[in-house]
Amino acid sequence: MLRYLYADELHLFPKLRDTMFRDRARQFRDRLHWDVAVDTNGNERDAYDAMNPLYVIWQQADGGHGGSMRFLPTTGDTMVNDHFAHLTDGVPIQSPLIWECTRFCLGTDAEPRVSAALMLGGLEVGLGFHLTDAVGVFDARMVRVYRRLGWEPTVLGISGRDRSAVSVGLWAFDPTVRPALLNKAKVPDRLSHLWFDRAFGQAAPAPLAMVG
């Protein structure tokens, strides 16, 4: 199932929290060899996890982490503006209607549909909070994933070539991609709405209310 949790709510789900940060260490440090900080408990966290981001998490039947990603408003500090501004020619991406998505991570035993479920959850966030776009930095391995799921970004800038390419892109929160994501995630329409409404209520607040 999909859960939508702010960082200050993660303590309510300790197994989900701990397995998420450990899976992030396995994916980003051990498999992809990124230069990330991992603590003595094997958890990968960075400064943006301390900014009370919103996590979209696929929770396995046993309560553990199946996959996740992280959202922050671009009106505050973001990875794309702090570390990847060279990909946008120094132009910051800042708008109350655009949120940054980072740390797309899959659990070690994730089903194939989890990638689609996470993208579905991201779309529900965008539609529910009346946003226009998500911005994110992605590497070459993710291009095939987005194409397969049928929700590809508009590329704003790219550095490197082939497998070493790193890009920044915008995903438009377009409701027409929702049916395909529901199908690929094998999630009924009403159930996806139920998960979102259970987290935020029937009406999500306006984007500006989410800053902070």
Protein backbone atom coordinates (compact mmCIF):
# COMPACT_ATOMS: atom_id res chain seq x y z
CA MET A 1 0.00 0.00 0.00
CA LEU A 2 1.01 3.63 -0.45
CA ARG A 3 1.69 5.78 2.57
CA TYR A 4 2.18 9.54 2.55
CA LEU A 5 4.22 10.56 5.58
CA TYR A 6 6.06 13.67 6.62
CA ALA A 7 9.42 13.17 8.29
CA ASP A 8 7.99 14.06 11.68
CA GLU A 9 5.49 11.20 11.30
CA LEU A 10 8.01 8.47 10.51
CA HIS A 11 8.43 7.59 14.19
CA LEU A 12 4.90 6.18 14.09
CA PHE A 13 6.13 3.49 11.68
CA PRO A 14 9.60 2.51 12.95
CA LYS A 15 10.00 -0.60 10.78
CA LEU A 16 8.97 1.28 7.66
CA ARG A 17 11.30 4.17 8.53
CA ASP A 18 14.34 2.04 9.34
CA THR A 19 14.03 -0.25 6.34
CA MET A 20 13.58 2.75 4.04
CA PHE A 21 16.80 4.42 5.14
CA ARG A 22 18.69 1.12 5.05
CA ASP A 23 17.41 0.38 1.54
CA ARG A 24 18.55 3.85 0.50
CA ALA A 25 22.06 3.01 1.73
CA ARG A 26 22.06 -0.26 -0.19
CA GLN A 27 20.86 1.37 -3.39
CA PHE A 28 22.78 4.64 -3.45
CA ARG A 29 26.02 3.72 -1.67
CA ASP A 30 26.44 0.00 -2.22
CA ARG A 31 24.95 -0.47 -5.69
CA LEU A 32 25.28 2.91 -7.39
CA HIS A 33 28.42 4.00 -5.49
CA TRP A 34 27.16 7.51 -4.80
CA ASP A 35 29.02 9.61 -2.25
CA VAL A 36 26.32 9.59 0.43
CA ALA A 37 26.42 9.65 4.23
CA VAL A 38 25.54 6.39 5.97
CA ASP A 39 25.44 6.24 9.78
CA THR A 40 26.58 3.44 12.07
CA ASN A 41 23.14 1.82 11.87
CA GLY A 42 23.37 1.59 8.09
CA ASN A 43 20.90 4.40 7.39
CA GLU A 44 21.39 6.82 4.49
CA ARG A 45 20.19 10.33 5.29
CA ASP A 46 21.09 13.80 4.12
CA ALA A 47 20.35 17.40 5.07
CA TYR A 48 17.07 17.40 3.15
CA ASP A 49 15.67 14.63 5.35
CA ALA A 50 15.93 17.13 8.22
CA MET A 51 13.60 19.60 6.43
CA ASN A 52 10.43 17.63 7.15
CA PRO A 53 9.91 16.44 3.58
CA LEU A 54 6.91 14.45 2.45
CA TYR A 55 7.72 10.80 1.70
CA VAL A 56 5.69 8.66 -0.67
CA ILE A 57 6.35 5.10 0.48
CA TRP A 58 5.21 1.71 -0.73
CA GLN A 59 4.70 -0.38 2.41
CA GLN A 60 5.05 -4.13 2.10
CA ALA A 61 2.59 -6.53 3.72
CA ASP A 62 5.07 -7.12 6.55
CA GLY A 63 5.28 -3.40 7.32
CA GLY A 64 8.67 -2.95 5.70
CA HIS A 65 9.83 -0.67 2.91
CA GLY A 66 9.14 -1.61 -0.70
CA GLY A 67 10.04 1.69 -2.32
CA SER A 68 9.95 5.41 -1.70
CA MET A 69 10.67 8.93 -2.86
CA ARG A 70 10.87 12.33 -1.20
CA PHE A 71 9.17 15.66 -1.94
CA LEU A 72 10.10 19.20 -0.92
CA PRO A 73 8.67 22.55 -2.08
CA THR A 74 11.05 24.44 -4.35
CA THR A 75 10.36 27.60 -2.37
CA GLY A 76 12.94 26.29 0.11
CA ASP A 77 16.28 24.51 -0.19
CA THR A 78 16.39 21.78 -2.83
CA MET A 79 19.03 19.55 -4.35
CA VAL A 80 18.40 20.80 -7.87
CA ASN A 81 19.05 24.44 -6.90
CA ASP A 82 21.80 23.77 -4.35
CA HIS A 83 23.86 21.22 -6.28
CA PHE A 84 22.69 20.98 -9.90
CA ALA A 85 22.14 24.60 -10.94
CA HIS A 86 24.70 24.11 -13.72
CA LEU A 87 22.13 21.89 -15.45
CA THR A 88 19.69 24.81 -15.66
CA ASP A 89 22.29 27.42 -16.64
CA GLY A 90 22.15 28.84 -13.14
CA VAL A 91 18.43 29.56 -13.31
CA PRO A 92 16.79 28.40 -10.05
CA ILE A 93 13.62 26.33 -10.18
CA GLN A 94 11.41 28.04 -7.59
CA SER A 95 7.63 28.10 -7.47
CA PRO A 96 4.95 27.20 -4.92
CA LEU A 97 3.43 25.07 -7.67
CA ILE A 98 6.58 23.00 -8.31
CA TRP A 99 7.94 20.48 -5.81
CA GLU A 100 11.22 18.62 -6.02
CA CYS A 101 11.24 14.82 -6.02
CA THR A 102 14.42 13.00 -4.94
CA ARG A 103 15.71 9.70 -3.57
CA PHE A 104 13.64 7.38 -5.78
CA CYS A 105 14.51 4.07 -4.14
CA LEU A 106 13.29 0.49 -4.50
CA GLY A 107 13.45 -2.11 -1.76
CA THR A 108 15.55 -5.21 -2.24
CA ASP A 109 12.51 -7.46 -2.75
CA ALA A 110 10.24 -4.93 -4.48
CA GLU A 111 7.74 -6.24 -7.00
CA PRO A 112 7.96 -4.88 -10.55
CA ARG A 113 4.80 -2.82 -9.98
CA VAL A 114 6.33 -0.79 -7.15
CA SER A 115 8.00 1.68 -9.52
CA ALA A 116 4.61 2.40 -11.07
CA ALA A 117 2.99 2.65 -7.64
CA LEU A 118 5.53 5.26 -6.54
CA MET A 119 4.99 7.28 -9.69
CA LEU A 120 1.25 7.00 -9.09
CA GLY A 121 1.73 8.27 -5.55
CA GLY A 122 3.77 11.18 -6.84
CA LEU A 123 1.02 12.03 -9.32
CA GLU A 124 -1.59 11.88 -6.55
CA VAL A 125 0.49 14.37 -4.55
CA GLY A 126 0.68 16.74 -7.48
CA LEU A 127 -2.99 16.52 -8.33
CA GLY A 128 -4.13 16.56 -4.71
CA PHE A 129 -2.09 19.63 -3.81
CA HIS A 130 -2.92 21.41 -7.08
CA LEU A 131 0.69 21.56 -8.25
CA THR A 132 1.78 21.97 -11.85
CA ASP A 133 5.05 20.03 -11.96
CA ALA A 134 7.64 17.99 -10.14
CA VAL A 135 11.31 18.71 -10.76
CA GLY A 136 14.03 16.16 -10.30
CA VAL A 137 17.55 15.15 -11.22
CA PHE A 138 17.91 11.71 -12.75
CA ASP A 139 20.60 9.55 -14.26
CA ALA A 140 20.59 7.57 -17.47
CA ARG A 141 19.33 4.35 -15.87
CA MET A 142 15.99 6.00 -15.04
CA VAL A 143 15.16 7.08 -18.60
CA ARG A 144 14.04 3.58 -19.51
CA VAL A 145 11.94 3.34 -16.33
CA TYR A 146 10.05 6.56 -17.03
CA ARG A 147 9.49 5.57 -20.66
CA ARG A 148 8.15 2.17 -19.66
CA LEU A 149 5.75 3.74 -17.19
CA GLY A 150 4.51 6.24 -19.74
CA TRP A 151 5.35 9.38 -17.77
CA GLU A 152 8.52 10.96 -19.10
CA PRO A 153 9.90 14.34 -18.02
CA THR A 154 10.63 17.39 -20.10
CA VAL A 155 14.42 17.64 -19.94
CA LEU A 156 15.66 21.09 -18.93
CA GLY A 157 19.37 20.33 -18.99
CA ILE A 158 21.81 17.46 -19.31
CA SER A 159 25.45 16.81 -18.51
CA GLY A 160 27.50 13.87 -19.72
CA ARG A 161 26.70 11.24 -22.31
CA ASP A 162 25.27 7.74 -22.50
CA ARG A 163 25.36 5.94 -19.13
CA SER A 164 27.11 8.83 -17.40
CA ALA A 165 24.44 11.36 -18.37
CA VAL A 166 22.75 13.31 -15.57
CA SER A 167 19.66 15.37 -16.35
CA VAL A 168 17.18 17.67 -14.67
CA GLY A 169 13.58 17.41 -15.80
CA LEU A 170 10.02 18.51 -15.16
CA TRP A 171 7.13 16.06 -14.82
CA ALA A 172 3.82 17.75 -15.55
CA PHE A 173 1.07 16.64 -13.18
CA ASP A 174 -1.23 15.56 -15.96
CA PRO A 175 -4.31 13.56 -14.93
CA THR A 176 -4.37 11.79 -18.32
CA VAL A 177 -1.37 9.65 -17.30
CA ARG A 178 -3.18 8.38 -14.21
CA PRO A 179 -5.09 5.46 -15.81
CA ALA A 180 -1.88 3.95 -17.21
CA LEU A 181 -0.11 4.26 -13.86
CA LEU A 182 -3.06 2.70 -12.04
CA ASN A 183 -2.96 -0.20 -14.49
CA LYS A 184 0.79 -0.75 -14.24
CA ALA A 185 0.71 -0.44 -10.44
CA LYS A 186 -2.27 -2.84 -10.27
CA VAL A 187 -4.01 -0.43 -7.91
CA PRO A 188 -7.77 0.23 -8.22
CA ASP A 189 -8.75 3.86 -8.71
CA ARG A 190 -10.83 4.08 -5.54
CA LEU A 191 -8.09 2.49 -3.44
CA SER A 192 -5.51 5.01 -4.60
CA HIS A 193 -7.90 7.83 -3.69
CA LEU A 194 -8.55 6.18 -0.32
CA TRP A 195 -4.84 6.03 0.56
CA PHE A 196 -4.38 9.71 -0.29
CA ASP A 197 -7.54 10.86 1.48
CA ARG A 198 -6.65 8.88 4.59
CA ALA A 199 -3.36 10.80 4.79
CA PHE A 200 -4.63 14.29 3.97
CA GLY A 201 -8.42 14.30 4.15
CA GLN A 202 -10.83 14.89 1.32
CA ALA A 203 -9.32 18.26 0.38
CA ALA A 204 -5.58 18.86 0.47
CA PRO A 205 -4.43 22.34 1.53
CA ALA A 206 -3.11 24.83 -0.99
CA PRO A 207 0.60 24.51 -1.93
CA LEU A 208 1.72 27.56 0.06
CA ALA A 209 0.37 25.99 3.24
CA MET A 210 2.82 23.10 2.79
CA VAL A 211 5.99 25.20 2.90
CA GLY A 212 8.08 24.78 6.01
